[in-house]
């Protein structure tokens, strides 16, 4: 009876947790009565599983956006040249060369601003402005390269209308599908959480920082030892500490976006550490606190590093890298050009300050440079004369090659009966000491123009950590761990901390800005400097200075 049943139709056999099908066979059930699994169904399930696993990968949205950029640009530019009926090309080779140049420049420009990172929030105004600026730069660079090449081969000279119109269409189109994909990625990630291993002070501090960040994914805290299960990680309202780590590691790829180690490595059991290493290479990302800060927030937390941190592999600053000399050459050329170009504007600003507030027009102050060298920084004066007492006093001190405690009056730093009070160290929101014209100069960052002379002279770079006033630098060095690391690189007019964090008003702000300065030192490169330039332009036009 069983044989006749299976010879006429396939029979579904239910099994707990799976569904398998028996298929007819000339000799009855295959392998002596064992039920055989349907090959096509099993292969289909495997394909779906692989596809789902691929789509959950962190790099999947990046690859999709990269391919969309290429195909959309080719379609837009091809349509523009077709509508233009451009007869300048003698064959497809010249057309392909021009498209390759344009695509290469576009991809590089968008890569610099994080346009291919799944972690970049592409729906905000800040990214939109940076995206537009990056593509406008790509338009200028690609047009320059193409028309320089056209001077040697006139058959490669494309239509200016085709290039300009293509970029004008591509800018909103590339923003549209980035926003749409970001919405999809955010919705998909909302159902998944990060698994945090640790329940001590480091884990509690991480929770507080994460809660204040733009991240919206959940956190699940695990005590590997099971001693604090059921407790709150950081007081009332914070997540409960859970246990059963082994079961959660078995279901990592479906429920979690990654694992975060919020504990010291020497406190993790060897067997657990071995399993985490295999998870990192085979399934999903395992972060240390430092790597999570770098990957998601582009910061390096000071509490996660040690005195040997600058000696790790990968630091371009630890040796004479070619980029160091290229950057200095760019500083000289660009600062010289900007001094000449901005000379009329600087004359107008000087006249406005002199007419509205009198002399001096230029504010001078001793600041700390690379290797803790002291130099005199120049800025347009934006505050009333009585607030500059500390700056003038710092100029009267003898100049040495390094900061020494005896060079600075400790009572003056601490504000004990001195003219350098806590309030004089920082510029507050709506500070009454700021001149009316100075307020606009600060918002547009035009008060920094005289520092171009410091750049040309070699004391500053165009890009780098902020050069702090000597009094502030010594105060921070004594109270903030590893603050002296920021003096490994030449300070700059603008920098990673300046474009990512508001103006500092306290030591806590200085600690936060240090995390960005450490990231800049760790990732010192042309790509990061180019990103800072674009963010600075956005900051200037948005009037976000103070």
Protein backbone atom coordinates (compact mmCIF):
# COMPACT_ATOMS: atom_id res chain seq x y z
CA UNK A 1 0.00 0.00 0.00
CA UNK A 2 2.84 2.36 0.87
CA UNK A 3 4.55 1.56 -2.41
CA UNK A 4 1.46 2.32 -4.46
CA UNK A 5 0.91 5.56 -2.61
CA UNK A 6 4.36 6.95 -3.31
CA UNK A 7 4.29 5.69 -6.90
CA UNK A 8 1.27 7.85 -7.72
CA UNK A 9 2.18 11.15 -6.04
CA UNK A 10 4.73 12.83 -3.88
CA UNK A 11 4.02 12.53 -0.22
CA UNK A 12 4.77 15.34 2.24
CA UNK A 13 6.30 14.10 5.45
CA UNK A 14 6.28 16.58 8.31
CA UNK A 15 9.18 16.57 10.68
CA UNK A 16 9.66 18.89 13.67
CA UNK A 17 11.55 21.97 12.53
CA UNK A 18 11.66 21.04 8.82
CA UNK A 19 9.63 19.90 5.84
CA UNK A 20 10.91 17.12 3.59
CA UNK A 21 9.30 15.42 0.63
CA UNK A 22 9.40 11.77 -0.53
CA UNK A 23 9.67 11.24 -4.28
CA UNK A 24 8.75 8.16 -6.32
CA UNK A 25 11.42 5.70 -7.14
CA UNK A 26 11.26 2.66 -9.37
CA UNK A 27 12.32 0.37 -6.59
CA UNK A 28 10.16 1.95 -3.91
CA UNK A 29 11.69 4.38 -1.41
CA UNK A 30 15.37 5.06 -1.98
CA UNK A 31 17.99 3.50 0.24
CA UNK A 32 15.82 0.78 1.58
CA UNK A 33 12.77 2.79 2.61
CA UNK A 34 14.49 6.01 3.73
CA UNK A 35 12.74 9.23 2.74
CA UNK A 36 14.77 11.27 0.24
CA UNK A 37 14.82 15.06 0.38
CA UNK A 38 13.67 16.91 -2.73
CA UNK A 39 16.82 18.17 -4.45
CA UNK A 40 15.23 21.27 -6.03
CA UNK A 41 13.57 22.37 -2.79
CA UNK A 42 16.74 21.85 -0.79
CA UNK A 43 18.83 23.75 -3.31
CA UNK A 44 16.31 26.60 -3.33
CA UNK A 45 16.39 26.85 0.45
CA UNK A 46 20.18 26.90 0.38
CA UNK A 47 20.14 29.70 -2.19
CA UNK A 48 17.67 31.71 -0.12
CA UNK A 49 19.78 31.17 2.99
CA UNK A 50 22.93 32.32 1.20
CA UNK A 51 21.11 35.34 -0.23
CA UNK A 52 19.75 36.30 3.18
CA UNK A 53 23.21 35.91 4.67
CA UNK A 54 24.70 38.16 1.96
CA UNK A 55 22.06 40.89 2.37
CA UNK A 56 22.73 40.98 6.10
CA UNK A 57 26.42 41.72 5.54
CA UNK A 58 27.60 45.20 6.43
CA UNK A 59 29.18 45.71 3.01
CA UNK A 60 26.08 44.77 0.98
CA UNK A 61 24.53 48.29 0.90
CA UNK A 62 27.93 49.74 -0.02
CA UNK A 63 28.28 47.43 -3.03
CA UNK A 64 24.72 48.21 -4.11
CA UNK A 65 25.27 51.97 -3.95
CA UNK A 66 28.57 51.63 -5.81
CA UNK A 67 26.93 49.72 -8.64
CA UNK A 68 23.98 52.13 -8.74
CA UNK A 69 26.35 55.08 -9.06
CA UNK A 70 28.11 53.49 -12.02
CA UNK A 71 24.95 52.42 -13.88
CA UNK A 72 23.00 55.62 -13.16
CA UNK A 73 25.89 57.82 -14.26
CA UNK A 74 26.39 55.81 -17.46
CA UNK A 75 22.68 56.10 -18.23
CA UNK A 76 22.50 59.84 -17.51
CA UNK A 77 25.66 60.75 -19.38
CA UNK A 78 24.81 58.48 -22.29
CA UNK A 79 21.36 60.07 -22.57
CA UNK A 80 22.83 63.59 -22.38
CA UNK A 81 25.32 62.94 -25.18
CA UNK A 82 22.58 61.30 -27.27
CA UNK A 83 20.19 64.25 -26.85
CA UNK A 84 23.03 66.64 -27.59
CA UNK A 85 23.85 64.64 -30.72
CA UNK A 86 27.49 65.16 -29.96
CA UNK A 87 29.51 64.28 -33.06
CA UNK A 88 32.87 65.00 -31.48
CA UNK A 89 33.64 61.32 -30.91
CA UNK A 90 35.15 59.26 -33.66
CA UNK A 91 34.46 55.98 -31.94
CA UNK A 92 33.38 54.24 -28.75
CA UNK A 93 36.91 54.16 -27.32
CA UNK A 94 37.09 57.92 -26.69
CA UNK A 95 33.61 57.87 -25.15
CA UNK A 96 34.61 55.00 -22.82
CA UNK A 97 37.81 56.79 -21.72
CA UNK A 98 35.87 59.94 -20.79
CA UNK A 99 33.27 57.93 -18.86
CA UNK A 100 35.96 56.02 -16.97
CA UNK A 101 37.63 59.30 -15.94
CA UNK A 102 34.33 60.76 -14.76
CA UNK A 103 33.27 57.63 -12.86
CA UNK A 104 36.67 57.32 -11.18
CA UNK A 105 36.57 60.93 -9.95
CA UNK A 106 32.93 60.66 -8.81
CA UNK A 107 33.55 57.43 -6.88
CA UNK A 108 36.65 58.84 -5.20
CA UNK A 109 34.87 62.06 -4.20
CA UNK A 110 31.92 60.19 -2.69
CA UNK A 111 34.21 57.69 -0.99
CA UNK A 112 36.04 60.54 0.75
CA UNK A 113 32.85 61.86 2.39
CA UNK A 114 31.64 58.38 3.41
CA UNK A 115 29.08 58.07 0.62
CA UNK A 116 29.65 54.30 0.40
CA UNK A 117 29.57 53.58 4.12
CA UNK A 118 26.45 51.90 5.47
CA UNK A 119 26.99 53.79 8.74
CA UNK A 120 26.81 57.27 7.18
CA UNK A 121 23.57 59.11 7.92
CA UNK A 122 22.76 60.24 4.38
CA UNK A 123 19.36 61.75 5.19
CA UNK A 124 20.61 64.81 7.06
CA UNK A 125 21.32 68.31 5.84
CA UNK A 126 25.02 68.04 6.68
CA UNK A 127 25.56 65.02 4.42
CA UNK A 128 23.45 66.57 1.66
CA UNK A 129 25.67 69.66 1.64
CA UNK A 130 28.84 67.54 1.68
CA UNK A 131 27.46 65.35 -1.12
CA UNK A 132 26.75 68.37 -3.31
CA UNK A 133 30.16 69.89 -2.58
CA UNK A 134 31.93 66.60 -3.32
CA UNK A 135 30.19 66.19 -6.69
CA UNK A 136 30.83 69.82 -7.62
CA UNK A 137 34.51 69.19 -6.89
CA UNK A 138 34.30 66.02 -8.99
CA UNK A 139 32.78 68.07 -11.82
CA UNK A 140 35.64 70.56 -11.72
CA UNK A 141 38.39 67.94 -11.46
CA UNK A 142 36.99 65.63 -14.15
CA UNK A 143 36.39 68.55 -16.54
CA UNK A 144 39.93 69.79 -15.95
CA UNK A 145 41.46 66.35 -16.63
CA UNK A 146 39.33 65.74 -19.73
CA UNK A 147 39.98 69.13 -21.32
CA UNK A 148 43.69 68.97 -20.56
CA UNK A 149 43.74 65.60 -22.35
CA UNK A 150 41.73 67.15 -25.19
CA UNK A 151 44.56 69.59 -25.91
CA UNK A 152 46.58 66.58 -27.07
CA UNK A 153 43.71 64.71 -28.74
CA UNK A 154 40.91 66.91 -30.08
CA UNK A 155 38.70 63.89 -30.72
CA UNK A 156 38.28 63.50 -26.94
CA UNK A 157 36.74 66.93 -26.38
CA UNK A 158 33.19 66.30 -25.14
CA UNK A 159 30.25 68.65 -24.97
CA UNK A 160 30.35 70.99 -21.97
CA UNK A 161 26.55 70.87 -21.89
CA UNK A 162 26.56 67.07 -21.64
CA UNK A 163 29.01 67.09 -18.71
CA UNK A 164 27.31 69.89 -16.77
CA UNK A 165 23.74 68.63 -17.30
CA UNK A 166 24.77 65.08 -16.36
CA UNK A 167 26.18 66.24 -13.03
CA UNK A 168 23.13 68.41 -12.33
CA UNK A 169 20.87 65.37 -12.82
CA UNK A 170 23.18 62.90 -11.07
CA UNK A 171 23.43 64.95 -7.84
CA UNK A 172 19.72 64.68 -6.83
CA UNK A 173 19.41 61.16 -8.25
CA UNK A 174 22.36 59.81 -6.21
CA UNK A 175 21.01 61.53 -3.10
CA UNK A 176 17.55 60.02 -3.64
CA UNK A 177 18.57 56.36 -3.70
CA UNK A 178 21.04 56.87 -0.87
CA UNK A 179 18.27 58.26 1.30
CA UNK A 180 15.92 55.44 0.30
CA UNK A 181 18.51 52.76 1.00
CA UNK A 182 19.46 54.38 4.31
CA UNK A 183 15.81 54.28 5.39
CA UNK A 184 15.66 50.58 4.49
CA UNK A 185 18.95 49.78 6.28
CA UNK A 186 17.85 51.68 9.39
CA UNK A 187 14.50 49.86 9.48
CA UNK A 188 16.20 46.48 9.04
CA UNK A 189 18.80 47.23 11.71
CA UNK A 190 16.13 48.33 14.20
CA UNK A 191 15.18 44.67 14.75
CA UNK A 192 18.76 43.71 15.56
CA UNK A 193 20.95 44.68 18.48
CA UNK A 194 24.59 44.75 19.53
CA UNK A 195 25.65 42.12 22.03
CA UNK A 196 27.85 43.77 24.66
CA UNK A 197 30.11 41.47 26.69
CA UNK A 198 30.80 43.07 30.03
CA UNK A 199 28.90 44.52 32.99
CA UNK A 200 31.48 46.67 34.79
CA UNK A 201 32.41 50.33 34.73
CA UNK A 202 33.59 50.30 31.10
CA UNK A 203 30.28 48.79 29.96
CA UNK A 204 28.26 51.31 31.98
CA UNK A 205 30.21 54.25 30.56
CA UNK A 206 29.80 52.87 27.06
CA UNK A 207 26.05 52.62 27.56
CA UNK A 208 25.84 56.28 28.59
CA UNK A 209 27.84 57.40 25.55
CA UNK A 210 25.86 55.15 23.20
CA UNK A 211 22.54 56.45 24.52
CA UNK A 212 23.59 60.02 23.66
CA UNK A 213 24.75 59.02 20.15
CA UNK A 214 22.71 58.92 16.91
CA UNK A 215 22.68 55.10 16.99
CA UNK A 216 19.19 53.66 17.36
CA UNK A 217 19.99 49.93 17.58
CA UNK A 218 19.47 48.22 20.89
CA UNK A 219 22.13 46.95 23.26
CA UNK A 220 22.05 43.64 25.13
CA UNK A 221 24.53 43.38 27.98
CA UNK A 222 25.84 39.96 28.92
CA UNK A 223 27.75 38.88 32.00
CA UNK A 224 29.94 35.97 30.80
CA UNK A 225 30.38 34.83 34.40
CA UNK A 226 26.67 35.06 35.26
CA UNK A 227 27.27 36.86 38.57
CA UNK A 228 25.28 40.04 37.82
CA UNK A 229 22.37 38.66 35.80
CA UNK A 230 19.19 40.64 36.44
CA UNK A 231 20.93 43.83 37.54
CA UNK A 232 20.75 47.15 35.68
CA UNK A 233 23.85 48.13 33.73
CA UNK A 234 23.68 51.83 34.69
CA UNK A 235 20.93 52.37 37.22
CA UNK A 236 17.15 52.66 36.84
CA UNK A 237 15.86 52.70 33.27
CA UNK A 238 18.97 51.10 31.80
CA UNK A 239 19.00 47.59 30.23
CA UNK A 240 19.08 44.46 32.36
CA UNK A 241 22.20 42.35 32.39
CA UNK A 242 21.50 38.95 30.84
CA UNK A 243 23.17 35.56 30.84
CA UNK A 244 23.13 32.42 28.65
CA UNK A 245 25.93 33.67 26.41
CA UNK A 246 26.40 30.36 24.60
CA UNK A 247 22.84 30.32 23.25
CA UNK A 248 23.14 33.89 22.02
CA UNK A 249 26.40 33.16 20.22
CA UNK A 250 24.67 30.29 18.43
CA UNK A 251 22.07 32.70 17.00
CA UNK A 252 24.35 35.62 16.18
CA UNK A 253 23.73 36.25 12.48
CA UNK A 254 19.95 36.54 12.81
CA UNK A 255 19.51 38.59 15.96
CA UNK A 256 22.65 40.70 16.32
CA UNK A 257 24.63 43.18 14.24
CA UNK A 258 27.86 42.59 16.12
CA UNK A 259 29.59 41.87 19.40
CA UNK A 260 31.23 44.60 21.50
CA UNK A 261 33.87 43.70 24.08
CA UNK A 262 33.36 46.14 26.97
CA UNK A 263 35.89 44.48 29.23
CA UNK A 264 39.63 43.97 29.35
CA UNK A 265 40.96 41.10 27.24
CA UNK A 266 42.78 39.56 30.22
CA UNK A 267 39.42 39.09 32.00
CA UNK A 268 37.91 37.00 29.17
CA UNK A 269 38.19 33.23 29.47
CA UNK A 270 40.53 31.64 26.88
CA UNK A 271 37.80 29.34 25.51
CA UNK A 272 35.41 32.29 25.08
CA UNK A 273 38.12 34.39 23.47
CA UNK A 274 38.84 31.59 21.00
CA UNK A 275 35.17 31.35 20.09
CA UNK A 276 34.95 35.12 19.60
CA UNK A 277 37.93 35.04 17.25
CA UNK A 278 36.24 32.31 15.15
CA UNK A 279 33.03 34.36 15.16
CA UNK A 280 34.92 37.41 13.92
CA UNK A 281 36.37 35.56 10.94
CA UNK A 282 33.39 33.37 10.06
CA UNK A 283 30.16 35.12 11.00
CA UNK A 284 29.88 38.72 12.21
CA UNK A 285 32.08 41.57 13.40
CA UNK A 286 33.53 41.54 16.91
CA UNK A 287 34.50 45.02 18.14
CA UNK A 288 36.73 46.24 20.89
CA UNK A 289 35.58 49.55 22.36
CA UNK A 290 38.28 51.37 20.42
CA UNK A 291 37.36 49.76 17.09
CA UNK A 292 33.64 50.44 17.65
CA UNK A 293 34.31 54.11 18.36
CA UNK A 294 36.46 54.34 15.24
CA UNK A 295 34.07 52.48 12.94
CA UNK A 296 30.77 54.06 14.05
CA UNK A 297 31.69 57.46 15.52
CA UNK A 298 35.14 58.14 14.02
CA UNK A 299 36.65 58.78 17.42
CA UNK A 300 39.31 57.13 19.58
CA UNK A 301 38.34 57.08 23.28
CA UNK A 302 41.22 58.05 25.55
CA UNK A 303 40.24 55.45 28.16
CA UNK A 304 40.78 52.60 25.66
CA UNK A 305 44.40 53.38 24.77
CA UNK A 306 47.70 53.13 26.63
CA UNK A 307 51.08 54.91 26.54
CA UNK A 308 52.25 52.57 23.75
CA UNK A 309 49.29 53.43 21.50
CA UNK A 310 51.27 55.60 19.02
CA UNK A 311 53.72 52.72 18.50
CA UNK A 312 51.06 50.46 16.99
CA UNK A 313 51.30 49.51 13.33
CA UNK A 314 49.56 51.72 10.80
CA UNK A 315 50.60 55.16 12.06
CA UNK A 316 51.94 57.25 9.19
CA UNK A 317 53.16 59.77 11.75
CA UNK A 318 55.59 57.23 13.21
CA UNK A 319 57.88 57.58 10.21
CA UNK A 320 58.73 60.09 7.48
CA UNK A 321 55.79 59.32 5.20
CA UNK A 322 55.63 60.86 1.71
CA UNK A 323 52.28 62.43 2.56
CA UNK A 324 53.92 64.49 5.30
CA UNK A 325 56.06 66.29 2.71
CA UNK A 326 53.23 66.53 0.19
CA UNK A 327 51.04 68.13 2.84
CA UNK A 328 53.72 70.68 3.75
CA UNK A 329 54.16 71.58 0.08
CA UNK A 330 50.38 72.03 -0.28
CA UNK A 331 50.35 74.19 2.87
CA UNK A 332 52.97 76.54 1.40
CA UNK A 333 51.32 76.81 -2.02
CA UNK A 334 47.73 77.14 -0.82
CA UNK A 335 48.47 79.52 2.07
CA UNK A 336 50.52 81.74 -0.26
CA UNK A 337 47.74 81.83 -2.85
CA UNK A 338 45.06 82.46 -0.24
CA UNK A 339 47.07 85.30 1.31
CA UNK A 340 47.23 87.00 -2.09
CA UNK A 341 43.60 86.28 -3.03
CA UNK A 342 42.19 87.25 0.37
CA UNK A 343 44.32 90.38 0.80
CA UNK A 344 41.49 92.77 -0.25
CA UNK A 345 39.02 90.99 2.05
CA UNK A 346 41.48 91.09 4.94
CA UNK A 347 41.96 94.84 4.38
CA UNK A 348 38.19 95.38 4.55
CA UNK A 349 37.90 93.31 7.75
CA UNK A 350 40.78 95.21 9.35
CA UNK A 351 39.11 98.51 8.47
CA UNK A 352 35.78 97.38 9.97
CA UNK A 353 37.44 96.35 13.23
CA UNK A 354 39.41 99.60 13.43
CA UNK A 355 36.32 101.75 12.72
CA UNK A 356 34.03 99.92 15.17
CA UNK A 357 36.44 99.09 18.00
CA UNK A 358 39.74 100.82 17.42
CA UNK A 359 43.11 99.22 17.76
CA UNK A 360 44.60 96.64 17.83
CA UNK A 361 43.16 94.96 14.75
CA UNK A 362 45.21 91.78 15.09
CA UNK A 363 45.01 89.62 18.21
CA UNK A 364 48.23 87.78 19.12
CA UNK A 365 48.48 84.87 21.51
CA UNK A 366 51.05 82.23 22.49
CA UNK A 367 49.91 78.74 21.52
CA UNK A 368 51.29 75.22 21.54
CA UNK A 369 52.43 73.60 18.31
CA UNK A 370 53.92 70.29 17.28
CA UNK A 371 56.28 68.75 19.85
CA UNK A 372 54.97 71.35 22.36
CA UNK A 373 56.81 74.23 20.68
CA UNK A 374 55.42 77.67 21.56
CA UNK A 375 54.57 80.07 18.73
CA UNK A 376 52.59 83.29 18.31
CA UNK A 377 49.25 82.84 16.53
CA UNK A 378 47.57 85.72 14.71
CA UNK A 379 43.83 86.31 14.37
CA UNK A 380 41.53 89.22 13.71
CA UNK A 381 40.40 90.67 17.02
CA UNK A 382 36.76 89.76 17.63
CA UNK A 383 36.45 90.57 21.34
CA UNK A 384 36.66 93.67 23.46
CA UNK A 385 40.05 94.81 24.69
CA UNK A 386 39.46 94.01 28.37
CA UNK A 387 39.10 90.28 27.59
CA UNK A 388 42.56 90.10 26.06
CA UNK A 389 44.57 90.57 29.25
CA UNK A 390 45.41 86.85 29.44
CA UNK A 391 46.51 86.81 25.82
CA UNK A 392 48.82 89.79 26.26
CA UNK A 393 50.33 88.35 29.44
CA UNK A 394 51.11 85.11 27.67
CA UNK A 395 53.00 87.03 24.99
CA UNK A 396 55.23 88.71 27.55
CA UNK A 397 56.65 85.41 28.78
CA UNK A 398 59.93 84.14 27.53
CA UNK A 399 59.65 81.78 24.55
CA UNK A 400 61.17 78.35 24.93
CA UNK A 401 61.11 75.25 22.83
CA UNK A 402 58.87 73.29 25.18
CA UNK A 403 56.23 73.97 27.79
CA UNK A 404 57.53 73.90 31.35
CA UNK A 405 55.57 74.29 34.54
CA UNK A 406 57.77 77.16 35.64
CA UNK A 407 56.96 79.08 32.45
CA UNK A 408 53.35 79.52 33.55
CA UNK A 409 52.05 81.07 36.74
CA UNK A 410 50.13 78.24 38.41
CA UNK A 411 47.95 80.65 40.34
CA UNK A 412 47.02 82.25 37.05
CA UNK A 413 45.98 78.92 35.59
CA UNK A 414 43.85 77.92 38.56
CA UNK A 415 42.23 81.32 38.79
CA UNK A 416 43.42 81.94 42.35
CA UNK A 417 43.58 85.71 42.58
CA UNK A 418 44.62 86.03 38.96
CA UNK A 419 43.32 87.78 35.91
CA UNK A 420 42.98 84.49 34.00
CA UNK A 421 39.71 83.20 35.37
CA UNK A 422 37.75 80.14 34.29
CA UNK A 423 35.34 82.37 32.37
CA UNK A 424 38.24 83.94 30.44
CA UNK A 425 39.41 80.58 29.10
CA UNK A 426 36.32 79.91 26.98
CA UNK A 427 34.03 81.82 24.67
CA UNK A 428 30.42 81.20 25.67
CA UNK A 429 27.23 81.25 23.64
CA UNK A 430 26.20 84.91 23.14
CA UNK A 431 29.33 86.00 25.00
CA UNK A 432 28.98 89.78 25.76
CA UNK A 433 32.71 90.26 25.16
CA UNK A 434 32.33 89.55 21.42
CA UNK A 435 32.15 92.58 19.13
CA UNK A 436 29.17 92.90 16.75
CA UNK A 437 31.43 92.58 13.72
CA UNK A 438 33.38 89.86 15.51
CA UNK A 439 30.27 87.72 15.85
CA UNK A 440 29.94 87.50 12.07
CA UNK A 441 33.64 86.93 11.60
CA UNK A 442 33.50 83.99 13.99
CA UNK A 443 30.41 82.48 12.38
CA UNK A 444 32.04 82.57 8.96
CA UNK A 445 35.48 81.62 10.37
CA UNK A 446 36.98 84.73 8.74
CA UNK A 447 38.77 85.68 11.94
CA UNK A 448 41.19 82.82 11.17
CA UNK A 449 42.50 84.42 7.94
CA UNK A 450 45.66 85.94 9.51
CA UNK A 451 46.67 82.44 10.58
CA UNK A 452 47.46 81.78 6.91
CA UNK A 453 50.74 83.53 7.71
CA UNK A 454 51.39 80.97 10.46
CA UNK A 455 50.74 78.22 7.91
CA UNK A 456 53.07 79.77 5.36
CA UNK A 457 55.73 80.21 8.03
CA UNK A 458 55.43 76.53 9.07
CA UNK A 459 54.04 76.85 12.60
CA UNK A 460 50.56 75.69 11.58
CA UNK A 461 49.08 73.49 8.91
CA UNK A 462 45.84 74.17 7.09
CA UNK A 463 44.44 70.98 8.66
CA UNK A 464 45.21 69.55 12.08
CA UNK A 465 44.15 69.66 15.75
CA UNK A 466 43.38 73.10 17.15
CA UNK A 467 46.41 74.97 18.52
CA UNK A 468 45.49 75.65 22.14
CA UNK A 469 46.45 78.64 24.26
CA UNK A 470 49.41 77.75 26.51
CA UNK A 471 47.39 78.19 29.71
CA UNK A 472 44.66 75.84 28.46
CA UNK A 473 47.16 73.31 27.14
CA UNK A 474 48.95 72.93 30.49
CA UNK A 475 45.63 72.70 32.34
CA UNK A 476 44.43 69.94 30.00
CA UNK A 477 47.77 68.11 30.02
CA UNK A 478 47.61 67.79 33.80
CA UNK A 479 43.99 66.64 33.96
CA UNK A 480 43.24 64.74 30.73
CA UNK A 481 45.03 61.41 30.12
CA UNK A 482 47.07 61.23 26.92
CA UNK A 483 46.30 64.83 26.01
CA UNK A 484 49.94 65.26 24.96
CA UNK A 485 49.41 62.82 22.08
CA UNK A 486 47.68 65.56 20.10
CA UNK A 487 51.03 67.38 19.90
CA UNK A 488 52.47 64.57 17.77
CA UNK A 489 51.06 66.31 14.70
CA UNK A 490 51.23 69.95 13.59
CA UNK A 491 48.11 71.90 14.62
CA UNK A 492 45.86 73.41 11.97
CA UNK A 493 43.39 76.18 11.20
CA UNK A 494 40.65 73.58 10.79
CA UNK A 495 40.56 69.94 11.86
CA UNK A 496 38.55 66.81 12.52
CA UNK A 497 37.49 67.91 16.00
CA UNK A 498 36.58 71.43 14.84
CA UNK A 499 34.17 70.20 12.15
CA UNK A 500 32.58 67.43 14.25
CA UNK A 501 32.22 69.00 17.69
CA UNK A 502 30.94 72.44 18.75
CA UNK A 503 33.15 75.06 20.34
CA UNK A 504 34.52 73.82 23.68
CA UNK A 505 33.36 75.50 26.88
CA UNK A 506 34.79 73.18 29.54
CA UNK A 507 37.31 70.47 30.30
CA UNK A 508 34.64 67.88 29.48
CA UNK A 509 34.39 69.36 25.99
CA UNK A 510 38.18 69.24 25.69
CA UNK A 511 38.08 65.51 26.55
CA UNK A 512 35.46 64.89 23.86
CA UNK A 513 37.40 66.86 21.27
CA UNK A 514 40.50 64.85 22.15
CA UNK A 515 38.74 61.68 20.94
CA UNK A 516 38.43 63.28 17.49
CA UNK A 517 42.03 64.52 17.54
CA UNK A 518 43.25 61.00 18.37
CA UNK A 519 41.21 59.65 15.47
CA UNK A 520 42.85 62.19 13.16
CA UNK A 521 46.31 61.17 14.35
CA UNK A 522 45.45 57.49 13.90
CA UNK A 523 44.03 57.96 10.39
CA UNK A 524 46.28 60.79 9.18
CA UNK A 525 45.77 60.69 5.40
CA UNK A 526 44.81 62.61 2.27
CA UNK A 527 41.32 61.10 2.37
CA UNK A 528 40.64 62.40 5.87
CA UNK A 529 42.08 65.83 5.07
CA UNK A 530 39.86 66.08 1.98
CA UNK A 531 36.82 65.19 4.09
CA UNK A 532 37.75 67.90 6.60
CA UNK A 533 38.03 70.48 3.80
CA UNK A 534 34.50 69.68 2.57
CA UNK A 535 33.09 69.75 6.11
CA UNK A 536 34.83 73.08 6.75
CA UNK A 537 33.26 74.63 3.65
CA UNK A 538 29.85 73.45 4.85
CA UNK A 539 30.53 74.86 8.33
CA UNK A 540 31.49 78.24 6.89
CA UNK A 541 28.42 78.56 4.67
CA UNK A 542 26.14 77.25 7.41
CA UNK A 543 27.51 79.87 9.82
CA UNK A 544 28.24 77.35 12.57
CA UNK A 545 31.31 79.04 13.98
CA UNK A 546 31.34 80.87 17.31
